[in-house]
Amino acid sequence: MATPSSSRPPSPPPPAQRRDSSSGGFSTPFERFVRDEISDWASGFTLLDTMETYFDSHLDLLQRHLAKTSDRLKLRAEETLQDLKKDVLKEGVFRIMPSSNIQLEREVQRYKIKVSQRLIKATQTWHSAKVVRTREKVIFFLGVMSLLFTALLYGMAPEWIHIAYTVQAAYYLPMRVYMYKKRAWHYFLFDLCYYINVLNLIFIWVMPDSAALFVACYCLSLGSLASAVITWRNSLVFHDWDKVTSLFIHIYPPLVFSVIRHYYPDAKQRFPALRDVPHLQPFRALLLSSIIYLIWQLLYWKYVLIDRRAKVQSGQRITSFTWLLNDKRGAIGCALTKIPPEQREISFMGGQLLYSIITELPAVFLLYDSAFWSSTYILILFAVSVWNGGGFYIEVFGRKFERELEALRKELAEVNARSERSSPTLGPQSDDDMATLNGSPNSLSPIVTAVEVSDANIPPINGNEPSCTPVDAR
């Protein structure tokens, strides 16, 4: 509330003074918020540190590629100079040096071409890795913002949850179809989880007054679809688009139908089917969901296991059945291997039906009538996905980082071993060469030409070969 004195213009504040350390207070109000001139321009070092950290990592990667290329060139130059030295010592200066110079020049040109090609390849790889990192950052950003946006809608505007689900499904599901088709994994798209998501969208936007469809979608979404987060170890890994999509497919439908049942304001007006289902009748609910399940199973059996059997058996296409059958470490794969081959498909489909009925029991007997337990169930599913995601980041990234460190250690060891080698010279390499060179009075520079050396100043050794003078050691 304003006072009469508040209408007068405020007097200018007194200049900032130093705080008296003996008094323990501030000489002027809010002195702790006053910034001196040094802090104004010195705060720019934070940005400089960030830029330095960013560019150092990229420069270090490029420097490592250049160092490896330089080491290879140095090693090849050492080998070439070793061969040149042996030619000079054994065959004479006049006959060897011209051809060796030409050969050395050709080698240098060849090395330049190789270096250029390797630099281009390294640059392309670096840019490719940069694009991958940028894409993962974008996916990470979208995943985190989607989670925050969903939490805000759940608490502040639950009537928008089904719209957010539809918008995200319109992005994730077509992208999953495109990616799986590109990888020849598109037979996974006939699994039950995609079938349920399509039925959910049909109920929300086409048949919101169908009580039978609502019961089936509710039981299947909070039954086998939700439990897949636990059984199939869905992980909340924000930077991995594939894992984010899998988690969305399995955890968002249970959230949507829990909101529609317990938190949607005036849900019976938007979804008239709820008027006919104040409570679930266990037998009717399980029967309806089982009928919807059997329709999918028959379609899957006809299209995939009968019409496409040749492609599946040849290995051209992978299905969830063949993937689980080949997974020897999983419980389902171990159980299927103990069943005769001609009975495995029937046993697998029957086991899926039994699994679907069992996982629907909590939704039928508990979750439909309790908002508290429905929220607790969603929270448990989310906690499991977060736990699995944390394990992925720590274990998978930890092993990857360990492999990179081991590779870097080997690379540094190779660099150190090469750097310890001395640069080759044209000096004597054995006792015989030393004895030969000691008998020669002249000195030979590292670059020898025919003008500097003549036949007169090369005394014969044993009457056969000419002798070279030792190279200047400087």
Foldseek 3Di string as FASTA:
>chain_A
DDDPVVVDDDDDFDDADDQDPVVVDGPGPPSVVDDDPCCVVVVCVVVVVVVCVVVVVVVVLLVLLVLVLVLVVLVVVLVLVVVLLVCCFPPHDPVRQVVSVVVVVVVVVVSVVVVVVSSVVSVVVSVVVVVLVVLLVVQLVVLVVLVVVLVCCLPPPVQCLVVSLVVVCVPLVVVVCVVCVVVQANQQCLDPLVVLVVLVVCCQPPNLQDLLSLLLSQLQLQFPLQCCCVVVVQASARSDSVSSSSCSSRQSSLVSSLCLLPPHVPSCVSRVSCVVPVAFDLVSSLVSNLVSVVVSVVVSCCVPVPVVVVCPVVPSHDYPLNVLCPPCVDPSVVVLVVDPPVCSVVVVSVVVSVRSSVRSVCVRPPSSVDSVVSVVSSVVSVVSNHVSNVCCCCPVVVVVVVVVVVVVVVSVVVSVVSVPDDRDASFDDDPVLVVLQVVAPDEDERNDDDVVDDPVRFDDDVPPDTTHHGYPPD
